[in-house]
């Protein structure tokens, strides 16, 4: 059986922030962070200026590797 994935995360090193921000000039953004043991997943939610919930746009999540050194 194959697995259907709604989205795939993008490594944070592959993200072009200037390109993303320039395509959403004038829109407000909310940042969501899912904190795990090894990774952080960061997703941006952009509003299009409309109060209607369907006007929201979500970017693909960014995957950030977390390194902890407790020694």
Protein backbone atom coordinates (compact mmCIF):
# COMPACT_ATOMS: atom_id res chain seq x y z
CA UNK A 1 0.00 0.00 0.00
CA UNK A 2 1.36 3.42 -0.88
CA UNK A 3 1.36 6.31 1.54
CA UNK A 4 -0.26 9.55 0.41
CA UNK A 5 1.35 12.63 1.88
CA UNK A 6 -0.40 15.95 1.91
CA UNK A 7 2.89 17.82 2.05
CA UNK A 8 6.56 17.20 2.48
CA UNK A 9 8.81 19.31 4.61
CA UNK A 10 11.64 21.36 3.13
CA UNK A 11 15.03 21.49 4.81
CA UNK A 12 15.52 24.97 6.21
CA UNK A 13 18.83 25.28 4.32
CA UNK A 14 16.87 25.06 1.04
CA UNK A 15 14.48 27.92 1.86
CA UNK A 16 14.85 31.16 -0.10
CA UNK A 17 13.39 33.66 2.38
CA UNK A 18 13.76 36.66 0.03
CA UNK A 19 11.68 34.93 -2.65
CA UNK A 20 8.97 33.93 -0.17
CA UNK A 21 8.69 37.37 1.42
CA UNK A 22 8.69 39.20 -1.93
CA UNK A 23 5.71 37.14 -3.13
CA UNK A 24 3.65 38.13 -0.06
CA UNK A 25 4.26 41.87 0.19
CA UNK A 26 1.55 43.56 2.24
CA UNK A 27 0.21 40.35 3.80
CA UNK A 28 0.43 39.52 7.46
CA UNK A 29 2.06 36.26 8.52
CA UNK A 30 1.77 33.92 11.50
CA UNK A 31 4.49 31.42 12.31
CA UNK A 32 3.66 28.00 13.72
CA UNK A 33 6.32 25.78 15.31
CA UNK A 34 5.99 22.09 16.11
CA UNK A 35 8.72 21.11 18.60
CA UNK A 36 9.94 17.51 18.60
CA UNK A 37 12.89 15.65 20.08
CA UNK A 38 15.08 15.91 16.98
CA UNK A 39 13.36 18.38 14.69
CA UNK A 40 11.43 21.63 14.64
CA UNK A 41 8.82 22.05 11.94
CA UNK A 42 8.12 25.66 11.07
CA UNK A 43 5.18 26.70 8.91
CA UNK A 44 4.12 30.14 7.70
CA UNK A 45 0.45 31.09 7.40
CA UNK A 46 -0.20 34.14 5.25
CA UNK A 47 -3.41 36.16 5.21
CA UNK A 48 -4.56 37.67 1.96
CA UNK A 49 -6.18 40.66 3.63
CA UNK A 50 -9.60 38.99 3.70
CA UNK A 51 -11.30 37.89 6.95
CA UNK A 52 -12.60 34.74 5.20
CA UNK A 53 -10.68 31.62 6.43
CA UNK A 54 -10.32 30.24 2.89
CA UNK A 55 -8.18 33.27 2.02
CA UNK A 56 -5.33 31.90 4.18
CA UNK A 57 -2.30 30.45 2.45
CA UNK A 58 0.03 27.93 4.08
CA UNK A 59 3.59 27.38 2.89
CA UNK A 60 5.24 23.96 3.05
CA UNK A 61 6.75 23.29 6.48
CA UNK A 62 10.46 23.81 7.04
CA UNK A 63 12.37 21.08 8.82
CA UNK A 64 15.02 22.26 11.27
CA UNK A 65 17.37 19.74 12.88
CA UNK A 66 17.88 20.36 16.60
CA UNK A 67 21.22 19.55 18.20
CA UNK A 68 21.53 19.44 21.95
CA UNK A 69 24.74 18.78 23.79
CA UNK A 70 24.08 18.07 27.47
CA UNK A 71 27.64 17.03 28.33
